[in-house]
PDB file of all heavy atoms in Angstrom:
ATOM      1  N   GLY A   1      52.112-149.198 -60.005  1.00  0.00           N
ATOM      2  CA  GLY A   1      52.235-150.576 -60.354  1.00  0.00           C
ATOM      3  C   GLY A   1      51.310-151.562 -59.716  1.00  0.00           C
ATOM      4  O   GLY A   1      51.053-152.579 -60.216  1.00  0.00           O
ATOM      5  N   ALA A   2      50.874-151.012 -58.607  1.00  0.00           N
ATOM      6  CA  ALA A   2      49.784-151.942 -57.768  1.00  0.00           C
ATOM      7  C   ALA A   2      48.559-152.055 -58.592  1.00  0.00           C
ATOM      8  O   ALA A   2      47.828-153.074 -58.384  1.00  0.00           O
ATOM      9  CB  ALA A   2      49.448-151.227 -56.406  1.00  0.00           C
ATOM     10  N   TRP A   3      48.330-151.213 -59.567  1.00  0.00           N
ATOM     11  CA  TRP A   3      47.083-151.308 -60.421  1.00  0.00           C
ATOM     12  C   TRP A   3      46.973-152.671 -61.129  1.00  0.00           C
ATOM     13  O   TRP A   3      45.963-153.293 -61.353  1.00  0.00           O
ATOM     14  CB  TRP A   3      47.033-150.101 -61.478  1.00  0.00           C
ATOM     15  CG  TRP A   3      46.115-150.319 -62.527  1.00  0.00           C
ATOM     16  CD1 TRP A   3      44.687-150.405 -62.359  1.00  0.00           C
ATOM     17  CD2 TRP A   3      46.303-150.326 -63.983  1.00  0.00           C
ATOM     18  NE1 TRP A   3      44.102-150.579 -63.631  1.00  0.00           N
ATOM     19  CE2 TRP A   3      45.114-150.556 -64.603  1.00  0.00           C
ATOM     20  CE3 TRP A   3      47.534-150.383 -64.750  1.00  0.00           C
ATOM     21  CZ2 TRP A   3      44.964-150.628 -66.080  1.00  0.00           C
ATOM     22  CZ3 TRP A   3      47.412-150.457 -66.125  1.00  0.00           C
ATOM     23  CH2 TRP A   3      46.068-150.557 -66.758  1.00  0.00           C
ATOM     24  N   LEU A   4      48.253-153.229 -61.463  1.00  0.00           N
ATOM     25  CA  LEU A   4      48.189-154.506 -62.193  1.00  0.00           C
ATOM     26  C   LEU A   4      47.658-155.630 -61.258  1.00  0.00           C
ATOM     27  O   LEU A   4      47.190-156.686 -61.882  1.00  0.00           O
ATOM     28  CB  LEU A   4      49.593-154.895 -62.555  1.00  0.00           C
ATOM     29  CG  LEU A   4      50.309-153.854 -63.559  1.00  0.00           C
ATOM     30  CD1 LEU A   4      51.756-154.389 -63.895  1.00  0.00           C
ATOM     31  CD2 LEU A   4      49.487-153.631 -64.747  1.00  0.00           C
ATOM     32  N   ASN A   5      47.672-155.401 -59.978  1.00  0.00           N
ATOM     33  CA  ASN A   5      47.152-156.545 -59.167  1.00  0.00           C
ATOM     34  C   ASN A   5      45.622-156.412 -58.824  1.00  0.00           C
ATOM     35  O   ASN A   5      45.054-157.311 -58.385  1.00  0.00           O
ATOM     36  CB  ASN A   5      47.855-156.474 -57.740  1.00  0.00           C
ATOM     37  CG  ASN A   5      49.360-156.783 -57.959  1.00  0.00           C
ATOM     38  OD1 ASN A   5      49.652-157.630 -58.675  1.00  0.00           O
ATOM     39  ND2 ASN A   5      50.123-156.038 -57.097  1.00  0.00           N
ATOM     40  N   TRP A   6      44.910-155.366 -59.320  1.00  0.00           N
ATOM     41  CA  TRP A   6      43.571-155.183 -58.979  1.00  0.00           C
ATOM     42  C   TRP A   6      42.763-154.853 -60.429  1.00  0.00           C
ATOM     43  O   TRP A   6      41.840-154.059 -60.394  1.00  0.00           O
ATOM     44  CB  TRP A   6      43.264-154.319 -57.889  1.00  0.00           C
ATOM     45  CG  TRP A   6      44.001-153.087 -57.703  1.00  0.00           C
ATOM     46  CD1 TRP A   6      45.135-152.885 -57.056  1.00  0.00           C
ATOM     47  CD2 TRP A   6      43.588-151.770 -58.141  1.00  0.00           C
ATOM     48  NE1 TRP A   6      45.545-151.621 -57.072  1.00  0.00           N
ATOM     49  CE2 TRP A   6      44.632-150.860 -57.689  1.00  0.00           C
ATOM     50  CE3 TRP A   6      42.587-151.255 -58.936  1.00  0.00           C
ATOM     51  CZ2 TRP A   6      44.643-149.457 -57.966  1.00  0.00           C
ATOM     52  CZ3 TRP A   6      42.505-149.841 -59.242  1.00  0.00           C
ATOM     53  CH2 TRP A   6      43.628-149.033 -58.688  1.00  0.00           C
ATOM     54  N   GLY A   7      43.360-155.485 -61.459  1.00  0.00           N
ATOM     55  CA  GLY A   7      42.566-155.355 -62.640  1.00  0.00           C
ATOM     56  C   GLY A   7      43.386-154.992 -63.945  1.00  0.00           C
ATOM     57  O   GLY A   7      42.949-155.152 -65.003  1.00  0.00           O
ATOM     58  N   GLY A   8      44.604-154.314 -63.689  1.00  0.00           N
ATOM     59  CA  GLY A   8      45.390-153.862 -64.726  1.00  0.00           C
ATOM     60  C   GLY A   8      45.859-154.918 -65.634  1.00  0.00           C
ATOM     61  O   GLY A   8      46.022-154.699 -66.878  1.00  0.00           O
ATOM     62  N   ARG A   9      46.142-156.152 -65.086  1.00  0.00           N
ATOM     63  CA  ARG A   9      46.694-157.202 -65.914  1.00  0.00           C
ATOM     64  C   ARG A   9      45.687-157.595 -67.070  1.00  0.00           C
ATOM     65  O   ARG A   9      46.069-157.789 -68.124  1.00  0.00           O
ATOM     66  CB  ARG A   9      46.883-158.510 -64.986  1.00  0.00           C
ATOM     67  CG  ARG A   9      48.011-158.396 -64.121  1.00  0.00           C
ATOM     68  CD  ARG A   9      48.010-159.490 -63.087  1.00  0.00           C
ATOM     69  NE  ARG A   9      49.168-159.527 -62.142  1.00  0.00           N
ATOM     70  CZ  ARG A   9      50.261-160.024 -62.196  1.00  0.00           C
ATOM     71  NH1 ARG A   9      50.450-160.901 -63.329  1.00  0.00           N
ATOM     72  NH2 ARG A   9      51.223-160.003 -61.341  1.00  0.00           N
ATOM     73  N   GLU A  10      44.423-157.709 -66.619  1.00  0.00           N
ATOM     74  CA  GLU A  10      43.318-157.991 -67.655  1.00  0.00           C
ATOM     75  C   GLU A  10      43.174-157.010 -68.711  1.00  0.00           C
ATOM     76  O   GLU A  10      42.978-157.242 -69.889  1.00  0.00           O
ATOM     77  CB  GLU A  10      42.045-158.289 -66.942  1.00  0.00           C
ATOM     78  CG  GLU A  10      41.972-159.538 -65.984  1.00  0.00           C
ATOM     79  CD  GLU A  10      42.665-159.372 -64.678  1.00  0.00           C
ATOM     80  OE1 GLU A  10      43.107-158.244 -64.371  1.00  0.00           O
ATOM     81  OE2 GLU A  10      42.583-160.324 -63.823  1.00  0.00           O
ATOM     82  N   THR A  11      43.258-155.684 -68.299  1.00  0.00           N
ATOM     83  CA  THR A  11      43.191-154.647 -69.202  1.00  0.00           C
ATOM     84  C   THR A  11      44.359-154.610 -70.196  1.00  0.00           C
ATOM     85  O   THR A  11      44.099-154.532 -71.429  1.00  0.00           O
ATOM     86  CB  THR A  11      43.141-153.287 -68.582  1.00  0.00           C
ATOM     87  OG1 THR A  11      41.874-153.253 -67.687  1.00  0.00           O
ATOM     88  CG2 THR A  11      43.108-152.078 -69.513  1.00  0.00           C
ATOM     89  N   LEU A  12      45.623-154.791 -69.642  1.00  0.00           N
ATOM     90  CA  LEU A  12      46.756-154.935 -70.595  1.00  0.00           C
ATOM     91  C   LEU A  12      46.629-156.038 -71.642  1.00  0.00           C
ATOM     92  O   LEU A  12      46.935-155.891 -72.795  1.00  0.00           O
ATOM     93  CB  LEU A  12      48.053-155.028 -69.818  1.00  0.00           C
ATOM     94  CG  LEU A  12      48.437-153.850 -68.980  1.00  0.00           C
ATOM     95  CD1 LEU A  12      49.751-154.124 -68.217  1.00  0.00           C
ATOM     96  CD2 LEU A  12      48.592-152.602 -69.847  1.00  0.00           C
ATOM     97  N   ASN A  13      46.179-157.243 -71.117  1.00  0.00           N
ATOM     98  CA  ASN A  13      45.961-158.397 -71.987  1.00  0.00           C
ATOM     99  C   ASN A  13      44.994-158.018 -73.045  1.00  0.00           C
ATOM    100  O   ASN A  13      45.044-158.371 -74.264  1.00  0.00           O
ATOM    101  CB  ASN A  13      45.451-159.562 -71.322  1.00  0.00           C
ATOM    102  CG  ASN A  13      46.515-160.160 -70.410  1.00  0.00           C
ATOM    103  OD1 ASN A  13      47.696-159.942 -70.667  1.00  0.00           O
ATOM    104  ND2 ASN A  13      46.253-160.868 -69.294  1.00  0.00           N
ATOM    105  N   SER A  14      43.890-157.246 -72.753  1.00  0.00           N
ATOM    106  CA  SER A  14      42.886-156.917 -73.718  1.00  0.00           C
ATOM    107  C   SER A  14      43.442-156.028 -74.837  1.00  0.00           C
ATOM    108  O   SER A  14      42.871-155.939 -75.935  1.00  0.00           O
ATOM    109  CB  SER A  14      41.644-156.281 -73.016  1.00  0.00           C
ATOM    110  OG  SER A  14      41.850-154.881 -72.667  1.00  0.00           O
ATOM    111  N   TYR A  15      44.414-155.219 -74.506  1.00  0.00           N
ATOM    112  CA  TYR A  15      45.132-154.504 -75.561  1.00  0.00           C
ATOM    113  C   TYR A  15      46.223-155.149 -76.145  1.00  0.00           C
ATOM    114  O   TYR A  15      47.004-154.582 -76.854  1.00  0.00           O
ATOM    115  CB  TYR A  15      45.541-153.161 -74.857  1.00  0.00           C
ATOM    116  CG  TYR A  15      44.518-152.117 -74.633  1.00  0.00           C
ATOM    117  CD1 TYR A  15      43.893-151.809 -73.377  1.00  0.00           C
ATOM    118  CD2 TYR A  15      43.934-151.423 -75.642  1.00  0.00           C
ATOM    119  CE1 TYR A  15      42.906-150.902 -73.082  1.00  0.00           C
ATOM    120  CE2 TYR A  15      42.874-150.472 -75.426  1.00  0.00           C
ATOM    121  CZ  TYR A  15      42.399-150.252 -74.171  1.00  0.00           C
ATOM    122  OH  TYR A  15      41.395-149.385 -73.932  1.00  0.00           O
ATOM    123  N   GLY A  16      46.334-156.450 -75.951  1.00  0.00           N
ATOM    124  CA  GLY A  16      47.360-157.218 -76.649  1.00  0.00           C
ATOM    125  C   GLY A  16      48.818-157.087 -76.082  1.00  0.00           C
ATOM    126  O   GLY A  16      49.776-157.306 -76.710  1.00  0.00           O
ATOM    127  N   ILE A  17      48.830-156.878 -74.748  1.00  0.00           N
ATOM    128  CA  ILE A  17      50.132-156.658 -74.108  1.00  0.00           C
ATOM    129  C   ILE A  17      50.368-157.923 -73.071  1.00  0.00           C
ATOM    130  O   ILE A  17      49.639-157.945 -72.156  1.00  0.00           O
ATOM    131  CB  ILE A  17      50.193-155.372 -73.195  1.00  0.00           C
ATOM    132  CG1 ILE A  17      49.960-154.154 -74.237  1.00  0.00           C
ATOM    133  CG2 ILE A  17      51.560-155.167 -72.516  1.00  0.00           C
ATOM    134  CD1 ILE A  17      49.819-152.835 -73.505  1.00  0.00           C
ATOM    135  N   PRO A  18      51.249-158.834 -73.446  1.00  0.00           N
ATOM    136  CA  PRO A  18      51.445-159.834 -72.514  1.00  0.00           C
ATOM    137  C   PRO A  18      52.286-159.426 -71.353  1.00  0.00           C
ATOM    138  O   PRO A  18      53.150-158.609 -71.409  1.00  0.00           O
ATOM    139  CB  PRO A  18      52.225-160.869 -73.437  1.00  0.00           C
ATOM    140  CG  PRO A  18      52.833-160.040 -74.471  1.00  0.00           C
ATOM    141  CD  PRO A  18      51.953-158.842 -74.679  1.00  0.00           C
ATOM    142  N   LEU A  19      52.061-160.024 -70.166  1.00  0.00           N
ATOM    143  CA  LEU A  19      52.815-159.775 -68.993  1.00  0.00           C
ATOM    144  C   LEU A  19      53.836-160.877 -68.712  1.00  0.00           C
ATOM    145  O   LEU A  19      53.466-162.144 -68.898  1.00  0.00           O
ATOM    146  CB  LEU A  19      51.825-159.639 -67.819  1.00  0.00           C
ATOM    147  CG  LEU A  19      51.288-158.306 -67.647  1.00  0.00           C
ATOM    148  CD1 LEU A  19      50.252-157.973 -68.699  1.00  0.00           C
ATOM    149  CD2 LEU A  19      50.676-158.090 -66.212  1.00  0.00           C
ATOM    150  N   PRO A  20      55.024-160.563 -68.258  1.00  0.00           N
ATOM    151  CA  PRO A  20      56.095-161.536 -67.936  1.00  0.00           C
ATOM    152  C   PRO A  20      55.559-162.528 -66.742  1.00  0.00           C
ATOM    153  O   PRO A  20      54.688-162.033 -66.017  1.00  0.00           O
ATOM    154  CB  PRO A  20      57.255-160.720 -67.350  1.00  0.00           C
ATOM    155  CG  PRO A  20      57.042-159.286 -67.891  1.00  0.00           C
ATOM    156  CD  PRO A  20      55.492-159.009 -68.045  1.00  0.00           C
ATOM    157  N   ALA A  21      56.068-163.685 -66.840  1.00  0.00           N
ATOM    158  CA  ALA A  21      55.547-164.662 -65.847  1.00  0.00           C
ATOM    159  C   ALA A  21      55.924-164.191 -64.415  1.00  0.00           C
ATOM    160  O   ALA A  21      55.166-164.367 -63.422  1.00  0.00           O
ATOM    161  CB  ALA A  21      56.149-165.984 -66.120  1.00  0.00           C
ATOM    162  N   ASN A  22      57.214-163.734 -64.245  1.00  0.00           N
ATOM    163  CA  ASN A  22      57.661-163.216 -63.034  1.00  0.00           C
ATOM    164  C   ASN A  22      57.726-161.672 -63.064  1.00  0.00           C
ATOM    165  O   ASN A  22      58.748-161.093 -63.311  1.00  0.00           O
ATOM    166  CB  ASN A  22      59.022-163.804 -62.676  1.00  0.00           C
ATOM    167  CG  ASN A  22      59.015-165.300 -62.526  1.00  0.00           C
ATOM    168  OD1 ASN A  22      58.128-165.860 -61.944  1.00  0.00           O
ATOM    169  ND2 ASN A  22      59.977-165.973 -63.147  1.00  0.00           N
ATOM    170  N   LEU A  23      56.546-161.041 -62.859  1.00  0.00           N
ATOM    171  CA  LEU A  23      56.400-159.628 -62.915  1.00  0.00           C
ATOM    172  C   LEU A  23      56.992-158.985 -61.770  1.00  0.00           C
ATOM    173  O   LEU A  23      56.799-159.296 -60.687  1.00  0.00           O
ATOM    174  CB  LEU A  23      54.916-159.132 -63.030  1.00  0.00           C
ATOM    175  CG  LEU A  23      54.545-157.775 -63.329  1.00  0.00           C
ATOM    176  CD1 LEU A  23      55.053-157.465 -64.727  1.00  0.00           C
ATOM    177  CD2 LEU A  23      53.091-157.578 -63.216  1.00  0.00           C
ATOM    178  N   GLY A  24      57.866-157.894 -61.981  1.00  0.00           N
ATOM    179  CA  GLY A  24      58.495-157.239 -61.122  1.00  0.00           C
ATOM    180  C   GLY A  24      58.530-155.726 -61.316  1.00  0.00           C
ATOM    181  O   GLY A  24      58.226-155.302 -62.479  1.00  0.00           O
ATOM    182  N   PRO A  25      59.093-154.868 -60.384  1.00  0.00           N
ATOM    183  CA  PRO A  25      59.191-153.452 -60.624  1.00  0.00           C
ATOM    184  C   PRO A  25      59.804-152.994 -61.859  1.00  0.00           C
ATOM    185  O   PRO A  25      59.583-152.008 -62.451  1.00  0.00           O
ATOM    186  CB  PRO A  25      59.874-152.925 -59.316  1.00  0.00           C
ATOM    187  CG  PRO A  25      59.476-154.031 -58.354  1.00  0.00           C
ATOM    188  CD  PRO A  25      59.636-155.279 -59.066  1.00  0.00           C
ATOM    189  N   GLU A  26      60.903-153.822 -62.203  1.00  0.00           N
ATOM    190  CA  GLU A  26      61.661-153.532 -63.380  1.00  0.00           C
ATOM    191  C   GLU A  26      60.902-153.562 -64.790  1.00  0.00           C
ATOM    192  O   GLU A  26      61.356-153.063 -65.827  1.00  0.00           O
ATOM    193  CB  GLU A  26      62.860-154.392 -63.605  1.00  0.00           C
ATOM    194  CG  GLU A  26      62.627-155.883 -63.908  1.00  0.00           C
ATOM    195  CD  GLU A  26      62.284-156.745 -62.641  1.00  0.00           C
ATOM    196  OE1 GLU A  26      62.057-156.083 -61.597  1.00  0.00           O
ATOM    197  OE2 GLU A  26      62.179-157.953 -62.848  1.00  0.00           O
ATOM    198  N   HIS A  27      59.704-154.093 -64.749  1.00  0.00           N
ATOM    199  CA  HIS A  27      58.823-154.225 -65.928  1.00  0.00           C
ATOM    200  C   HIS A  27      57.981-152.980 -66.156  1.00  0.00           C
ATOM    201  O   HIS A  27      57.237-152.932 -67.106  1.00  0.00           O
ATOM    202  CB  HIS A  27      58.135-155.588 -65.918  1.00  0.00           C
ATOM    203  CG  HIS A  27      58.930-156.780 -65.934  1.00  0.00           C
ATOM    204  ND1 HIS A  27      59.149-157.549 -64.797  1.00  0.00           N
ATOM    205  CD2 HIS A  27      59.695-157.391 -66.838  1.00  0.00           C
ATOM    206  CE1 HIS A  27      59.888-158.608 -65.053  1.00  0.00           C
ATOM    207  NE2 HIS A  27      60.276-158.488 -66.296  1.00  0.00           N
ATOM    208  N   MET A  28      57.752-152.287 -65.126  1.00  0.00           N
ATOM    209  CA  MET A  28      56.593-151.365 -65.028  1.00  0.00           C
ATOM    210  C   MET A  28      56.687-150.272 -66.116  1.00  0.00           C
ATOM    211  O   MET A  28      55.793-149.933 -66.841  1.00  0.00           O
ATOM    212  CB  MET A  28      56.583-150.668 -63.656  1.00  0.00           C
ATOM    213  CG  MET A  28      56.130-151.559 -62.527  1.00  0.00           C
ATOM    214  SD  MET A  28      54.631-152.473 -62.838  1.00  0.00           S
ATOM    215  CE  MET A  28      54.859-153.901 -61.934  1.00  0.00           C
ATOM    216  N   GLU A  29      57.984-149.550 -66.263  1.00  0.00           N
ATOM    217  CA  GLU A  29      58.062-148.647 -67.318  1.00  0.00           C
ATOM    218  C   GLU A  29      57.877-149.141 -68.682  1.00  0.00           C
ATOM    219  O   GLU A  29      57.251-148.495 -69.574  1.00  0.00           O
ATOM    220  CB  GLU A  29      59.516-147.975 -67.190  1.00  0.00           C
ATOM    221  CG  GLU A  29      59.829-147.250 -65.946  1.00  0.00           C
ATOM    222  CD  GLU A  29      58.902-146.009 -65.845  1.00  0.00           C
ATOM    223  OE1 GLU A  29      58.354-145.552 -66.751  1.00  0.00           O
ATOM    224  OE2 GLU A  29      58.837-145.401 -64.742  1.00  0.00           O
ATOM    225  N   LEU A  30      58.324-150.393 -68.935  1.00  0.00           N
ATOM    226  CA  LEU A  30      58.117-151.004 -70.364  1.00  0.00           C
ATOM    227  C   LEU A  30      56.677-151.221 -70.557  1.00  0.00           C
ATOM    228  O   LEU A  30      56.187-150.904 -71.670  1.00  0.00           O
ATOM    229  CB  LEU A  30      58.871-152.375 -70.352  1.00  0.00           C
ATOM    230  CG  LEU A  30      58.689-153.132 -71.549  1.00  0.00           C
ATOM    231  CD1 LEU A  30      59.134-152.366 -72.811  1.00  0.00           C
ATOM    232  CD2 LEU A  30      59.387-154.554 -71.507  1.00  0.00           C
ATOM    233  N   LEU A  31      55.955-151.757 -69.639  1.00  0.00           N
ATOM    234  CA  LEU A  31      54.491-151.940 -69.759  1.00  0.00           C
ATOM    235  C   LEU A  31      53.784-150.689 -69.997  1.00  0.00           C
ATOM    236  O   LEU A  31      52.810-150.592 -70.777  1.00  0.00           O
ATOM    237  CB  LEU A  31      53.978-152.788 -68.532  1.00  0.00           C
ATOM    238  CG  LEU A  31      54.509-154.212 -68.261  1.00  0.00           C
ATOM    239  CD1 LEU A  31      53.983-154.736 -67.034  1.00  0.00           C
ATOM    240  CD2 LEU A  31      53.855-155.091 -69.559  1.00  0.00           C
ATOM    241  N   SER A  32      54.221-149.647 -69.276  1.00  0.00           N
ATOM    242  CA  SER A  32      53.568-148.344 -69.471  1.00  0.00           C
ATOM    243  C   SER A  32      53.809-147.815 -70.913  1.00  0.00           C
ATOM    244  O   SER A  32      52.865-147.362 -71.527  1.00  0.00           O
ATOM    245  CB  SER A  32      54.106-147.385 -68.463  1.00  0.00           C
ATOM    246  OG  SER A  32      53.506-146.073 -68.680  1.00  0.00           O
TER     247      SER A  32
END
């Protein structure tokens, strides 16, 4: 999950995946 803090957020956005405003551990499996 730490990947989202050093670049993964931007990559997910580029694939059309929005991230929750309050991102937490409970969101990781869904994002994957």
